[in-house]
Amino acid sequence: MLNKYFGILIAVLCLSYGRALAQGCSDPGICTSGSLNAANTQDSTSKIDFTEASFEELLNANVASEKYRIGADIVYGIGDKGTSIYNLVLRFSMRIKERMLINVKMPFAYISGNIGTTTGTGDLTLTMQNTFKSGKNINMAYTLGVIIPTNNANLKYNGEVMPMAYQSSLGLFSALAGLSFRYKQWSAVIGYQYSFGSNSNQFLSETIKLNSNAANFTDQQKRASYESSKNLNRGSDLIFRLERGFQIKKLSIAIGILPILRISNSSIVDSTGADSLVFNSDGLTLNITAGISYQLSNSVFIKINYGSPVLQRKVRPDGLSRKTVLIVGFGVKLW
């Protein structure tokens, strides 16, 4: 039975990798926030009905009601033009009520590609998740939160402004909300993220002067191939997640799909100083996801999550394109 489940997981990983063409798990923040996260990383208290559980059930639960949870993820992604994106994501959760958690997520990024490298802090995400219905076979929760930029999304390399693919932050304040539902081994999520205003990025590919006689002509061509993103105003995102879980003793496996719908086109400021809609920047990105987590003890767990696209938006000025995303992380629960 164990070999069967691992075979399913490996098959999905291979399929999703082979079909990854351009737009990946372009998570604007909401997909990994609170109860909207992958099923194998959600609050395990969802499996316990505290109002009716017996004392023995509470004692034998992997996580009954830990007060704090700390963790770290190492995230690797392949972005625009083969850009390599490394993130160290620190996480902290605090239970303020029996079924209510406050979550904090803070990433640190290193980005390297064909026109340079950048480093910086990512967007700080603060969420509150509340499980309003829980039991052995069913769980329902909602998540509310904000995303706070830690820089103005205008990082430079050798004095030159870099496109959004090289920015560690989106440079925008955002609000998010969502609902999650679990029935036995199935889980579903719907979420919405709205970004306010425009960021301070100044990259405009059309202003890059191409001189075929210049020694750096090849570098000029590479820079000009990136999407313009000056004063980017992102469209809103609607996400859906559907997953099927498999539990094998202390091992949890989740396989699913993650559609991200950009509801409206983004806009930028063009070379004339006018606001300009980025046509075809709206639309659907469809990702296949898979993950495993293993409970090393009642307090410590490790996880691996993977995502890759099968469908993409045509134009992506926000730099969130990912061909592949791989997350390796661990967590510690404290009482």
C-alpha atoms as a PDB file:
ATOM      1  CA  MET A   1       0.000   0.000   0.000  1.00  0.00           C
ATOM      2  CA  LEU A   2       2.820   2.408   0.860  1.00  0.00           C
ATOM      3  CA  ASN A   3       4.536   1.750  -2.479  1.00  0.00           C
ATOM      4  CA  LYS A   4       1.248   2.428  -4.259  1.00  0.00           C
ATOM      5  CA  TYR A   5       0.880   5.896  -2.743  1.00  0.00           C
ATOM      6  CA  PHE A   6       4.494   6.792  -3.394  1.00  0.00           C
ATOM      7  CA  GLY A   7       4.037   5.648  -6.983  1.00  0.00           C
ATOM      8  CA  ILE A   8       1.049   7.965  -7.382  1.00  0.00           C
ATOM      9  CA  LEU A   9       2.995  10.891  -5.946  1.00  0.00           C
ATOM     10  CA  ILE A  10       6.072  10.328  -8.134  1.00  0.00           C
ATOM     11  CA  ALA A  11       3.920   9.976 -11.250  1.00  0.00           C
ATOM     12  CA  VAL A  12       2.226  13.300 -10.570  1.00  0.00           C
ATOM     13  CA  LEU A  13       5.568  15.014  -9.931  1.00  0.00           C
ATOM     14  CA  CYS A  14       7.032  13.713 -13.177  1.00  0.00           C
ATOM     15  CA  LEU A  15       3.939  14.660 -15.174  1.00  0.00           C
ATOM     16  CA  SER A  16       3.760  18.168 -13.791  1.00  0.00           C
ATOM     17  CA  TYR A  17       7.479  18.763 -14.370  1.00  0.00           C
ATOM     18  CA  GLY A  18       7.327  17.579 -17.951  1.00  0.00           C
ATOM     19  CA  ARG A  19       4.415  19.882 -18.749  1.00  0.00           C
ATOM     20  CA  ALA A  20       5.881  22.989 -17.051  1.00  0.00           C
ATOM     21  CA  LEU A  21       6.248  25.562 -19.800  1.00  0.00           C
ATOM     22  CA  ALA A  22       6.246  29.039 -18.327  1.00  0.00           C
ATOM     23  CA  GLN A  23       3.795  30.156 -15.666  1.00  0.00           C
ATOM     24  CA  GLY A  24       4.211  28.253 -12.430  1.00  0.00           C
ATOM     25  CA  CYS A  25       2.791  28.446  -8.931  1.00  0.00           C
ATOM     26  CA  SER A  26       2.744  32.231  -9.159  1.00  0.00           C
ATOM     27  CA  ASP A  27       1.675  32.612  -5.553  1.00  0.00           C
ATOM     28  CA  PRO A  28       0.997  36.291  -4.785  1.00  0.00           C
ATOM     29  CA  GLY A  29       0.927  35.366  -1.097  1.00  0.00           C
ATOM     30  CA  ILE A  30      -2.523  33.979  -0.501  1.00  0.00           C
ATOM     31  CA  CYS A  31      -1.895  30.369  -1.576  1.00  0.00           C
ATOM     32  CA  THR A  32       0.349  29.648   1.424  1.00  0.00           C
ATOM     33  CA  SER A  33      -1.485  31.700   4.049  1.00  0.00           C
ATOM     34  CA  GLY A  34      -3.343  30.338   7.065  1.00  0.00           C
ATOM     35  CA  SER A  35      -5.911  27.641   6.384  1.00  0.00           C
ATOM     36  CA  LEU A  36      -5.543  28.280   2.622  1.00  0.00           C
ATOM     37  CA  ASN A  37      -2.211  26.457   2.627  1.00  0.00           C
ATOM     38  CA  ALA A  38      -1.701  22.921   1.327  1.00  0.00           C
ATOM     39  CA  ALA A  39      -3.612  20.244   3.226  1.00  0.00           C
ATOM     40  CA  ASN A  40      -0.428  18.565   4.494  1.00  0.00           C
ATOM     41  CA  THR A  41       0.612  21.806   6.248  1.00  0.00           C
ATOM     42  CA  GLN A  42      -2.691  22.891   7.790  1.00  0.00           C
ATOM     43  CA  ASP A  43      -3.520  23.006  11.479  1.00  0.00           C
ATOM     44  CA  SER A  44      -3.890  19.396  12.608  1.00  0.00           C
ATOM     45  CA  THR A  45      -6.461  20.313  15.242  1.00  0.00           C
ATOM     46  CA  SER A  46      -8.997  20.117  12.432  1.00  0.00           C
ATOM     47  CA  LYS A  47      -9.146  16.360  13.078  1.00  0.00           C
ATOM     48  CA  ILE A  48     -10.291  16.819  16.667  1.00  0.00           C
ATOM     49  CA  ASP A  49     -13.718  17.927  17.853  1.00  0.00           C
ATOM     50  CA  PHE A  50     -12.683  19.419  21.197  1.00  0.00           C
ATOM     51  CA  THR A  51     -16.264  19.712  22.411  1.00  0.00           C
ATOM     52  CA  GLU A  52     -16.913  15.973  22.073  1.00  0.00           C
ATOM     53  CA  ALA A  53     -13.494  14.262  21.974  1.00  0.00           C
ATOM     54  CA  SER A  54     -12.674  11.758  24.693  1.00  0.00           C
ATOM     55  CA  PHE A  55      -9.639  12.198  26.908  1.00  0.00           C
ATOM     56  CA  GLU A  56      -7.944   9.273  25.155  1.00  0.00           C
ATOM     57  CA  GLU A  57      -8.484  10.886  21.714  1.00  0.00           C
ATOM     58  CA  LEU A  58      -6.880  14.103  22.894  1.00  0.00           C
ATOM     59  CA  LEU A  59      -3.890  12.265  24.344  1.00  0.00           C
ATOM     60  CA  ASN A  60      -3.310  10.289  21.148  1.00  0.00           C
ATOM     61  CA  ALA A  61      -3.724  13.219  18.765  1.00  0.00           C
ATOM     62  CA  ASN A  62      -0.601  14.233  16.822  1.00  0.00           C
ATOM     63  CA  VAL A  63      -1.382  17.836  17.648  1.00  0.00           C
ATOM     64  CA  ALA A  64      -4.072  18.428  20.227  1.00  0.00           C
ATOM     65  CA  SER A  65      -3.802  22.136  20.953  1.00  0.00           C
ATOM     66  CA  GLU A  66      -0.231  23.360  20.745  1.00  0.00           C
ATOM     67  CA  LYS A  67       0.162  26.974  21.841  1.00  0.00           C
ATOM     68  CA  TYR A  68       2.909  27.906  19.381  1.00  0.00           C
ATOM     69  CA  ARG A  69       4.307  26.618  16.136  1.00  0.00           C
ATOM     70  CA  ILE A  70       7.573  27.743  14.581  1.00  0.00           C
ATOM     71  CA  GLY A  71       9.013  26.627  11.280  1.00  0.00           C
ATOM     72  CA  ALA A  72      11.197  27.394   8.310  1.00  0.00           C
ATOM     73  CA  ASP A  73      10.902  26.619   4.611  1.00  0.00           C
ATOM     74  CA  ILE A  74      13.578  26.621   1.934  1.00  0.00           C
ATOM     75  CA  VAL A  75      11.893  27.429  -1.372  1.00  0.00           C
ATOM     76  CA  TYR A  76      13.430  27.052  -4.829  1.00  0.00           C
ATOM     77  CA  GLY A  77      11.735  28.320  -7.961  1.00  0.00           C
ATOM     78  CA  ILE A  78      12.594  28.762 -11.631  1.00  0.00           C
ATOM     79  CA  GLY A  79      11.200  32.040 -12.957  1.00  0.00           C
ATOM     80  CA  ASP A  80      11.326  34.251 -16.065  1.00  0.00           C
ATOM     81  CA  LYS A  81      14.188  33.494 -18.481  1.00  0.00           C
ATOM     82  CA  GLY A  82      15.417  30.690 -16.226  1.00  0.00           C
ATOM     83  CA  THR A  83      15.844  32.965 -13.216  1.00  0.00           C
ATOM     84  CA  SER A  84      16.731  31.027 -10.058  1.00  0.00           C
ATOM     85  CA  ILE A  85      14.800  32.172  -6.989  1.00  0.00           C
ATOM     86  CA  TYR A  86      15.771  31.044  -3.489  1.00  0.00           C
ATOM     87  CA  ASN A  87      13.683  31.920  -0.449  1.00  0.00           C
ATOM     88  CA  LEU A  88      14.131  31.256   3.237  1.00  0.00           C
ATOM     89  CA  VAL A  89      10.670  31.593   4.769  1.00  0.00           C
ATOM     90  CA  LEU A  90      10.320  31.883   8.542  1.00  0.00           C
ATOM     91  CA  ARG A  91       6.931  31.039  10.060  1.00  0.00           C
ATOM     92  CA  PHE A  92       5.391  31.569  13.465  1.00  0.00           C
ATOM     93  CA  SER A  93       1.900  30.672  14.701  1.00  0.00           C
ATOM     94  CA  MET A  94       0.270  31.399  18.040  1.00  0.00           C
ATOM     95  CA  ARG A  95      -3.010  29.943  19.233  1.00  0.00           C
ATOM     96  CA  ILE A  96      -5.051  32.679  20.891  1.00  0.00           C
ATOM     97  CA  LYS A  97      -8.177  30.556  21.319  1.00  0.00           C
ATOM     98  CA  GLU A  98      -8.953  26.867  21.091  1.00  0.00           C
ATOM     99  CA  ARG A  99      -9.653  27.077  17.360  1.00  0.00           C
ATOM    100  CA  MET A 100      -8.062  30.400  16.421  1.00  0.00           C
ATOM    101  CA  LEU A 101      -4.495  30.976  15.243  1.00  0.00           C
ATOM    102  CA  ILE A 102      -2.446  34.060  14.408  1.00  0.00           C
ATOM    103  CA  ASN A 103       0.159  33.357  11.705  1.00  0.00           C
ATOM    104  CA  VAL A 104       3.240  35.337  10.669  1.00  0.00           C
ATOM    105  CA  LYS A 105       5.249  34.562   7.534  1.00  0.00           C
ATOM    106  CA  MET A 106       8.482  36.355   6.572  1.00  0.00           C
ATOM    107  CA  PRO A 107      10.610  35.449   3.518  1.00  0.00           C
ATOM    108  CA  PHE A 108      14.178  36.380   2.603  1.00  0.00           C
ATOM    109  CA  ALA A 109      15.071  36.120  -1.085  1.00  0.00           C
ATOM    110  CA  TYR A 110      18.129  35.648  -3.288  1.00  0.00           C
ATOM    111  CA  ILE A 111      17.444  35.908  -7.027  1.00  0.00           C
ATOM    112  CA  SER A 112      19.947  35.174  -9.792  1.00  0.00           C
ATOM    113  CA  GLY A 113      19.458  35.320 -13.547  1.00  0.00           C
ATOM    114  CA  ASN A 114      20.902  36.319 -16.889  1.00  0.00           C
ATOM    115  CA  ILE A 115      20.996  40.060 -16.115  1.00  0.00           C
ATOM    116  CA  GLY A 116      22.202  40.059 -12.513  1.00  0.00           C
ATOM    117  CA  THR A 117      21.425  39.144  -8.912  1.00  0.00           C
ATOM    118  CA  THR A 118      19.396  40.724  -6.112  1.00  0.00           C
ATOM    119  CA  THR A 119      18.763  39.999  -2.455  1.00  0.00           C
ATOM    120  CA  GLY A 120      16.172  41.364  -0.081  1.00  0.00           C
ATOM    121  CA  THR A 121      13.342  40.721   2.315  1.00  0.00           C
ATOM    122  CA  GLY A 122      10.015  39.543   0.963  1.00  0.00           C
ATOM    123  CA  ASP A 123       6.497  40.573   1.899  1.00  0.00           C
ATOM    124  CA  LEU A 124       5.425  40.118   5.510  1.00  0.00           C
ATOM    125  CA  THR A 125       2.155  38.167   5.748  1.00  0.00           C
ATOM    126  CA  LEU A 126      -0.075  38.365   8.837  1.00  0.00           C
ATOM    127  CA  THR A 127      -3.167  36.162   9.003  1.00  0.00           C
ATOM    128  CA  MET A 128      -5.814  35.021  11.436  1.00  0.00           C
ATOM    129  CA  GLN A 129      -7.448  31.648  10.877  1.00  0.00           C
ATOM    130  CA  ASN A 130     -10.473  30.409  12.763  1.00  0.00           C
ATOM    131  CA  THR A 131     -11.822  26.873  12.638  1.00  0.00           C
ATOM    132  CA  PHE A 132     -15.559  27.348  13.107  1.00  0.00           C
ATOM    133  CA  LYS A 133     -16.492  23.692  12.579  1.00  0.00           C
ATOM    134  CA  SER A 134     -14.341  20.664  13.304  1.00  0.00           C
ATOM    135  CA  GLY A 135     -14.713  16.967  13.815  1.00  0.00           C
ATOM    136  CA  LYS A 136     -13.266  13.612  12.879  1.00  0.00           C
ATOM    137  CA  ASN A 137     -14.386  13.787   9.241  1.00  0.00           C
ATOM    138  CA  ILE A 138     -15.189  17.441   8.600  1.00  0.00           C
ATOM    139  CA  ASN A 139     -13.516  20.784   9.085  1.00  0.00           C
ATOM    140  CA  MET A 140     -14.347  24.337   8.028  1.00  0.00           C
ATOM    141  CA  ALA A 141     -12.189  27.416   8.624  1.00  0.00           C
ATOM    142  CA  TYR A 142     -11.788  30.949   7.383  1.00  0.00           C
ATOM    143  CA  THR A 143      -8.671  33.074   7.026  1.00  0.00           C
ATOM    144  CA  LEU A 144      -8.319  36.873   7.028  1.00  0.00           C
ATOM    145  CA  GLY A 145      -5.037  38.676   6.560  1.00  0.00           C
ATOM    146  CA  VAL A 146      -2.836  41.428   5.227  1.00  0.00           C
ATOM    147  CA  ILE A 147       0.382  41.440   3.216  1.00  0.00           C
ATOM    148  CA  ILE A 148       2.852  44.207   4.049  1.00  0.00           C
ATOM    149  CA  PRO A 149       5.691  45.113   1.639  1.00  0.00           C
ATOM    150  CA  THR A 150       9.171  45.389   3.131  1.00  0.00           C
ATOM    151  CA  ASN A 151      10.701  47.358   0.249  1.00  0.00           C
ATOM    152  CA  ASN A 152       9.524  49.412  -2.726  1.00  0.00           C
ATOM    153  CA  ALA A 153      10.076  46.682  -5.360  1.00  0.00           C
ATOM    154  CA  ASN A 154      12.818  48.719  -7.046  1.00  0.00           C
ATOM    155  CA  LEU A 155      15.976  46.734  -6.263  1.00  0.00           C
ATOM    156  CA  LYS A 156      18.946  47.473  -8.535  1.00  0.00           C
ATOM    157  CA  TYR A 157      21.982  45.623  -9.840  1.00  0.00           C
ATOM    158  CA  ASN A 158      25.098  47.613 -10.726  1.00  0.00           C
ATOM    159  CA  GLY A 159      23.020  50.772 -10.535  1.00  0.00           C
ATOM    160  CA  GLU A 160      20.370  49.570 -12.992  1.00  0.00           C
ATOM    161  CA  VAL A 161      16.728  49.049 -12.064  1.00  0.00           C
ATOM    162  CA  MET A 162      15.691  45.413 -12.230  1.00  0.00           C
ATOM    163  CA  PRO A 163      12.385  43.997 -13.548  1.00  0.00           C
ATOM    164  CA  MET A 164       9.820  42.474 -11.191  1.00  0.00           C
ATOM    165  CA  ALA A 165      11.234  38.980 -11.784  1.00  0.00           C
ATOM    166  CA  TYR A 166      14.223  40.105  -9.673  1.00  0.00           C
ATOM    167  CA  GLN A 167      12.277  41.874  -6.920  1.00  0.00           C
ATOM    168  CA  SER A 168      12.008  40.235  -3.502  1.00  0.00           C
ATOM    169  CA  SER A 169       8.796  42.151  -2.720  1.00  0.00           C
ATOM    170  CA  LEU A 170       5.750  43.061  -4.786  1.00  0.00           C
ATOM    171  CA  GLY A 171       5.921  46.501  -3.162  1.00  0.00           C
ATOM    172  CA  LEU A 172       2.168  46.555  -2.534  1.00  0.00           C
ATOM    173  CA  PHE A 173      -0.139  46.339   0.462  1.00  0.00           C
ATOM    174  CA  SER A 174      -2.705  43.580   0.024  1.00  0.00           C
ATOM    175  CA  ALA A 175      -5.735  42.189   1.858  1.00  0.00           C
ATOM    176  CA  LEU A 176      -6.736  38.539   1.651  1.00  0.00           C
ATOM    177  CA  ALA A 177      -9.628  36.358   2.740  1.00  0.00           C
ATOM    178  CA  GLY A 178     -10.604  32.778   2.183  1.00  0.00           C
ATOM    179  CA  LEU A 179     -12.523  29.676   3.234  1.00  0.00           C
ATOM    180  CA  SER A 180     -11.280  26.108   3.584  1.00  0.00           C
ATOM    181  CA  PHE A 181     -13.317  22.921   3.785  1.00  0.00           C
ATOM    182  CA  ARG A 182     -12.219  19.359   4.521  1.00  0.00           C
ATOM    183  CA  TYR A 183     -14.302  16.211   4.328  1.00  0.00           C
ATOM    184  CA  LYS A 184     -12.464  13.018   5.221  1.00  0.00           C
ATOM    185  CA  GLN A 185      -9.442  12.932   2.878  1.00  0.00           C
ATOM    186  CA  TRP A 186     -10.664  15.678   0.533  1.00  0.00           C
ATOM    187  CA  SER A 187      -9.979  19.372   1.050  1.00  0.00           C
ATOM    188  CA  ALA A 188     -11.037  22.466  -0.885  1.00  0.00           C
ATOM    189  CA  VAL A 189     -10.115  26.142  -0.623  1.00  0.00           C
ATOM    190  CA  ILE A 190     -11.333  29.386  -2.137  1.00  0.00           C
ATOM    191  CA  GLY A 191      -9.517  32.668  -1.521  1.00  0.00           C
ATOM    192  CA  TYR A 192      -9.337  36.266  -2.721  1.00  0.00           C
ATOM    193  CA  GLN A 193      -6.450  38.752  -2.674  1.00  0.00           C
ATOM    194  CA  TYR A 194      -6.713  42.463  -3.446  1.00  0.00           C
ATOM    195  CA  SER A 195      -3.680  44.727  -3.827  1.00  0.00           C
ATOM    196  CA  PHE A 196      -3.868  48.458  -3.130  1.00  0.00           C
ATOM    197  CA  GLY A 197      -2.327  51.155  -5.322  1.00  0.00           C
ATOM    198  CA  SER A 198       0.876  50.976  -7.364  1.00  0.00           C
ATOM    199  CA  ASN A 199       4.408  50.030  -6.436  1.00  0.00           C
ATOM    200  CA  SER A 200       7.583  52.062  -7.060  1.00  0.00           C
ATOM    201  CA  ASN A 201       9.291  49.828  -9.606  1.00  0.00           C
ATOM    202  CA  GLN A 202      10.857  51.861 -12.441  1.00  0.00           C
ATOM    203  CA  PHE A 203      11.731  49.199 -15.023  1.00  0.00           C
ATOM    204  CA  LEU A 204      10.694  50.006 -18.620  1.00  0.00           C
ATOM    205  CA  SER A 205      12.038  47.689 -21.295  1.00  0.00           C
ATOM    206  CA  GLU A 206      11.136  50.094 -24.132  1.00  0.00           C
ATOM    207  CA  THR A 207      13.538  52.741 -22.816  1.00  0.00           C
ATOM    208  CA  ILE A 208      16.546  50.392 -23.062  1.00  0.00           C
ATOM    209  CA  LYS A 209      18.688  51.591 -25.973  1.00  0.00           C
ATOM    210  CA  LEU A 210      19.966  48.776 -28.152  1.00  0.00           C
ATOM    211  CA  ASN A 211      23.325  49.443 -29.786  1.00  0.00           C
ATOM    212  CA  SER A 212      24.599  46.552 -31.870  1.00  0.00           C
ATOM    213  CA  ASN A 213      28.119  48.019 -31.763  1.00  0.00           C
ATOM    214  CA  ALA A 214      28.230  48.211 -27.979  1.00  0.00           C
ATOM    215  CA  ALA A 215      30.288  45.716 -26.024  1.00  0.00           C
ATOM    216  CA  ASN A 216      27.277  44.976 -23.809  1.00  0.00           C
ATOM    217  CA  PHE A 217      24.807  44.573 -26.673  1.00  0.00           C
ATOM    218  CA  THR A 218      23.937  41.026 -25.617  1.00  0.00           C
ATOM    219  CA  ASP A 219      23.189  42.230 -22.070  1.00  0.00           C
ATOM    220  CA  GLN A 220      21.016  45.025 -23.475  1.00  0.00           C
ATOM    221  CA  GLN A 221      18.988  42.494 -25.444  1.00  0.00           C
ATOM    222  CA  LYS A 222      18.538  40.321 -22.369  1.00  0.00           C
ATOM    223  CA  ARG A 223      17.287  43.261 -20.265  1.00  0.00           C
ATOM    224  CA  ALA A 224      14.920  44.403 -23.009  1.00  0.00           C
ATOM    225  CA  SER A 225      13.306  40.941 -23.157  1.00  0.00           C
ATOM    226  CA  TYR A 226      11.721  41.351 -19.684  1.00  0.00           C
ATOM    227  CA  GLU A 227       8.216  42.739 -19.136  1.00  0.00           C
ATOM    228  CA  SER A 228       7.899  46.448 -18.279  1.00  0.00           C
ATOM    229  CA  SER A 229       6.634  47.006 -14.742  1.00  0.00           C
ATOM    230  CA  LYS A 230       6.968  50.696 -13.891  1.00  0.00           C
ATOM    231  CA  ASN A 231       4.589  51.620 -11.041  1.00  0.00           C
ATOM    232  CA  LEU A 232       2.858  48.257 -11.351  1.00  0.00           C
ATOM    233  CA  ASN A 233      -0.770  48.060 -10.244  1.00  0.00           C
ATOM    234  CA  ARG A 234      -1.674  44.377  -9.951  1.00  0.00           C
ATOM    235  CA  GLY A 235      -5.047  42.910 -10.723  1.00  0.00           C
ATOM    236  CA  SER A 236      -6.899  40.942  -8.052  1.00  0.00           C
ATOM    237  CA  ASP A 237      -6.450  37.197  -7.612  1.00  0.00           C
ATOM    238  CA  LEU A 238      -8.995  34.461  -6.946  1.00  0.00           C
ATOM    239  CA  ILE A 239      -7.607  31.065  -5.977  1.00  0.00           C
ATOM    240  CA  PHE A 240      -9.103  27.615  -5.737  1.00  0.00           C
ATOM    241  CA  ARG A 241      -7.446  24.530  -4.322  1.00  0.00           C
ATOM    242  CA  LEU A 242      -8.671  20.936  -4.451  1.00  0.00           C
ATOM    243  CA  GLU A 243      -6.629  18.160  -2.863  1.00  0.00           C
ATOM    244  CA  ARG A 244      -6.902  14.489  -2.033  1.00  0.00           C
ATOM    245  CA  GLY A 245      -4.987  13.334   0.999  1.00  0.00           C
ATOM    246  CA  PHE A 246      -3.589   9.948   1.970  1.00  0.00           C
ATOM    247  CA  GLN A 247      -2.635   9.147   5.565  1.00  0.00           C
ATOM    248  CA  ILE A 248      -0.180   6.314   6.227  1.00  0.00           C
ATOM    249  CA  LYS A 249       0.576   6.281   9.953  1.00  0.00           C
ATOM    250  CA  LYS A 250       2.803   9.356  10.484  1.00  0.00           C
ATOM    251  CA  LEU A 251       3.113  10.087   6.753  1.00  0.00           C
ATOM    252  CA  SER A 252       0.683  12.484   5.039  1.00  0.00           C
ATOM    253  CA  ILE A 253       0.467  12.771   1.243  1.00  0.00           C
ATOM    254  CA  ALA A 254      -1.570  15.373  -0.645  1.00  0.00           C
ATOM    255  CA  ILE A 255      -2.094  15.598  -4.415  1.00  0.00           C
ATOM    256  CA  GLY A 256      -4.171  18.325  -6.009  1.00  0.00           C
ATOM    257  CA  ILE A 257      -4.749  21.215  -8.375  1.00  0.00           C
ATOM    258  CA  LEU A 258      -4.328  24.926  -7.693  1.00  0.00           C
ATOM    259  CA  PRO A 259      -6.003  27.318 -10.160  1.00  0.00           C
ATOM    260  CA  ILE A 260      -5.108  31.025  -9.736  1.00  0.00           C
ATOM    261  CA  LEU A 261      -7.414  33.399 -11.604  1.00  0.00           C
ATOM    262  CA  ARG A 262      -6.211  36.946 -12.248  1.00  0.00           C
ATOM    263  CA  ILE A 263      -9.575  38.686 -12.414  1.00  0.00           C
ATOM    264  CA  SER A 264      -8.471  41.943 -14.045  1.00  0.00           C
ATOM    265  CA  ASN A 265      -5.546  43.203 -16.116  1.00  0.00           C
ATOM    266  CA  SER A 266      -2.627  44.834 -14.363  1.00  0.00           C
ATOM    267  CA  SER A 267      -1.502  48.328 -15.315  1.00  0.00           C
ATOM    268  CA  ILE A 268       1.820  50.190 -15.484  1.00  0.00           C
ATOM    269  CA  VAL A 269       3.054  53.684 -16.292  1.00  0.00           C
ATOM    270  CA  ASP A 270       4.492  53.731 -19.818  1.00  0.00           C
ATOM    271  CA  SER A 271       7.353  55.770 -21.287  1.00  0.00           C
ATOM    272  CA  THR A 272       5.039  58.751 -21.886  1.00  0.00           C
ATOM    273  CA  GLY A 273       4.071  58.870 -18.196  1.00  0.00           C
ATOM    274  CA  ALA A 274       0.509  57.674 -18.849  1.00  0.00           C
ATOM    275  CA  ASP A 275      -1.248  54.781 -17.126  1.00  0.00           C
ATOM    276  CA  SER A 276      -1.401  51.814 -19.473  1.00  0.00           C
ATOM    277  CA  LEU A 277      -3.330  48.547 -19.141  1.00  0.00           C
ATOM    278  CA  VAL A 278      -1.226  45.422 -19.673  1.00  0.00           C
ATOM    279  CA  PHE A 279      -3.526  43.443 -21.913  1.00  0.00           C
ATOM    280  CA  ASN A 280      -3.653  39.650 -21.463  1.00  0.00           C
ATOM    281  CA  SER A 281      -2.181  39.924 -17.970  1.00  0.00           C
ATOM    282  CA  ASP A 282      -5.473  38.586 -16.610  1.00  0.00           C
ATOM    283  CA  GLY A 283      -6.607  35.000 -16.945  1.00  0.00           C
ATOM    284  CA  LEU A 284      -6.039  31.564 -15.481  1.00  0.00           C
ATOM    285  CA  THR A 285      -2.944  29.797 -14.225  1.00  0.00           C
ATOM    286  CA  LEU A 286      -3.551  26.116 -13.463  1.00  0.00           C
ATOM    287  CA  ASN A 287      -1.022  24.289 -11.305  1.00  0.00           C
ATOM    288  CA  ILE A 288      -0.617  20.671 -10.262  1.00  0.00           C
ATOM    289  CA  THR A 289       0.582  20.310  -6.675  1.00  0.00           C
ATOM    290  CA  ALA A 290       1.881  17.467  -4.544  1.00  0.00           C
ATOM    291  CA  GLY A 291       3.295  17.247  -1.060  1.00  0.00           C
ATOM    292  CA  ILE A 292       4.331  14.948   1.726  1.00  0.00           C
ATOM    293  CA  SER A 293       4.860  15.545   5.429  1.00  0.00           C
ATOM    294  CA  TYR A 294       6.149  13.258   8.118  1.00  0.00           C
ATOM    295  CA  GLN A 295       5.587  13.524  11.854  1.00  0.00           C
ATOM    296  CA  LEU A 296       8.981  12.834  13.443  1.00  0.00           C
ATOM    297  CA  SER A 297       7.454  13.185  16.896  1.00  0.00           C
ATOM    298  CA  ASN A 298       4.436  14.823  18.526  1.00  0.00           C
ATOM    299  CA  SER A 299       6.320  18.120  18.304  1.00  0.00           C
ATOM    300  CA  VAL A 300       8.412  17.972  15.119  1.00  0.00           C
ATOM    301  CA  PHE A 301       7.437  17.450  11.476  1.00  0.00           C
ATOM    302  CA  ILE A 302       9.106  17.802   8.083  1.00  0.00           C
ATOM    303  CA  LYS A 303       7.486  18.462   4.704  1.00  0.00           C
ATOM    304  CA  ILE A 304       8.154  18.626   0.976  1.00  0.00           C
ATOM    305  CA  ASN A 305       5.796  20.442  -1.408  1.00  0.00           C
ATOM    306  CA  TYR A 306       5.994  20.750  -5.188  1.00  0.00           C
ATOM    307  CA  GLY A 307       4.061  22.718  -7.783  1.00  0.00           C
ATOM    308  CA  SER A 308       4.214  23.166 -11.528  1.00  0.00           C
ATOM    309  CA  PRO A 309       1.924  24.600 -14.237  1.00  0.00           C
ATOM    310  CA  VAL A 310      -0.167  23.090 -16.993  1.00  0.00           C
ATOM    311  CA  LEU A 311      -1.818  26.361 -18.056  1.00  0.00           C
ATOM    312  CA  GLN A 312      -0.603  29.957 -17.927  1.00  0.00           C
ATOM    313  CA  ARG A 313      -1.457  33.611 -18.297  1.00  0.00           C
ATOM    314  CA  LYS A 314      -0.004  35.118 -21.483  1.00  0.00           C
ATOM    315  CA  VAL A 315       1.578  38.253 -19.981  1.00  0.00           C
ATOM    316  CA  ARG A 316       3.077  38.470 -16.478  1.00  0.00           C
ATOM    317  CA  PRO A 317       4.529  41.905 -15.586  1.00  0.00           C
ATOM    318  CA  ASP A 318       4.465  41.071 -11.846  1.00  0.00           C
ATOM    319  CA  GLY A 319       7.389  38.647 -12.258  1.00  0.00           C
ATOM    320  CA  LEU A 320       5.549  35.800 -10.520  1.00  0.00           C
ATOM    321  CA  SER A 321       6.124  33.249 -13.289  1.00  0.00           C
ATOM    322  CA  ARG A 322       7.423  29.934 -12.024  1.00  0.00           C
ATOM    323  CA  LYS A 323       8.238  26.867 -14.094  1.00  0.00           C
ATOM    324  CA  THR A 324       8.825  24.861 -10.943  1.00  0.00           C
ATOM    325  CA  VAL A 325       8.465  25.432  -7.198  1.00  0.00           C
ATOM    326  CA  LEU A 326       9.979  23.098  -4.605  1.00  0.00           C
ATOM    327  CA  ILE A 327       9.544  23.655  -0.854  1.00  0.00           C
ATOM    328  CA  VAL A 328      11.408  21.771   1.867  1.00  0.00           C
ATOM    329  CA  GLY A 329      10.498  22.710   5.418  1.00  0.00           C
ATOM    330  CA  PHE A 330      10.173  21.714   9.035  1.00  0.00           C
ATOM    331  CA  GLY A 331       8.076  22.769  11.971  1.00  0.00           C
ATOM    332  CA  VAL A 332       8.173  22.548  15.751  1.00  0.00           C
ATOM    333  CA  LYS A 333       5.068  22.661  17.969  1.00  0.00           C
ATOM    334  CA  LEU A 334       5.335  24.069  21.465  1.00  0.00           C
ATOM    335  CA  TRP A 335       2.835  23.691  24.292  1.00  0.00           C
END
